[in-house]
Amino acid sequence: MKIRRCLFLCLLAEMLVITTAYSLANIEKEKMSQAVGTAGAIEIAHNGKDIAINVVGETLVVNTTSPLVKDVLQEAQITVGPNDRVVPGLDEEAADTIKVIRVEKINVTEEKDIPFEIERRNDGNLLKGQQQIMQQGKKGLEKNSYEVILEDGKMAAKNLVERVLVKKPVSQIVLAGTSQTVSRGNQTINFEKSLTVSATAYTHTGQNTYTGIAPKVGIIAVDPKVIPLGTRMYIDGYGYATAMDIGGSIKGNRIDVFFDTKEECMKWGRKKVQVFILARE
């Protein structure tokens, strides 16, 4: 009898525990239903925003609730160097995009030539049109130091820090002739200018000159860009002449003097001569 009573009490206690657990479960379920309400779902609060961080062409998107740029970069474990630029600024409110510009400063030294000046001096011992270098010009040299600023590896600025003169340039001195009178034999020749030319010779070809007249001694071929047609001149070793012809190979400071015979042309050959341009009458 005592054994049956003990079993009954144990069974009753076990049923009480089960009933209590079931009641607590129903209470929690009811609280959950009240929290859900009519929506039928639970939303987990998430107040952060996506921010794109651009560093040297690479973009990292982070979700953060930090308000300031410096805090966002710290969360993203992005360090900012002392020369780097950040847009917006570190102490400004973070926008949708943050750009970190890597800034590097380097020192560069460059050498630069300094051109020499040309000084011209008149000289009465030289014929007008002649020039002579009295002193050869020499370039100078300077050494320039720059601070070069690189932004994301590209040059953004180049600032001169120091300029050092290593060697001064030496001016070139050129003598320009002013004399317009020369003596040839027993005569004095007054001229406007003189020039040195390469002179060859030609003879009869059966054709008239470019200006339409028949060739004869005293007629020469010229480059009209250097000596205009119709110009009168005195040619050392040849005498007085007039530019009345042109030639396909007569370019620049070159002339072709006329002789009556082939033998005279061969004797003349090719030579450098002085030509004195006479004043137009």
Foldseek 3Di string as FASTA:
>chain_A
DVVVVVVVVVVVVVVVVVVVVVVVVVVVVVVVCVVCDPVNDDDDDDDWDWAWEAELNDIDIDTDPDFFQLVVCVVVVHDADPPKQKVPHRGHTGDNYIYIKDKDKDKDKDKDKADAAEAEAEDQVDFAADKDWPFDKFIWMKMWMWIFMDISRHTDDIGTDDIGGPGHIDYIYMYGHDHQWDDDDPDIAGFDGKDKAKEAEDEDDPDDAPQHHRDDAQEKAADCVAPNFQWWKAKVPRGIHGHHHHDPPHDDRYMYGYDHDPVVRVVVGIDIIMIGTHDDD
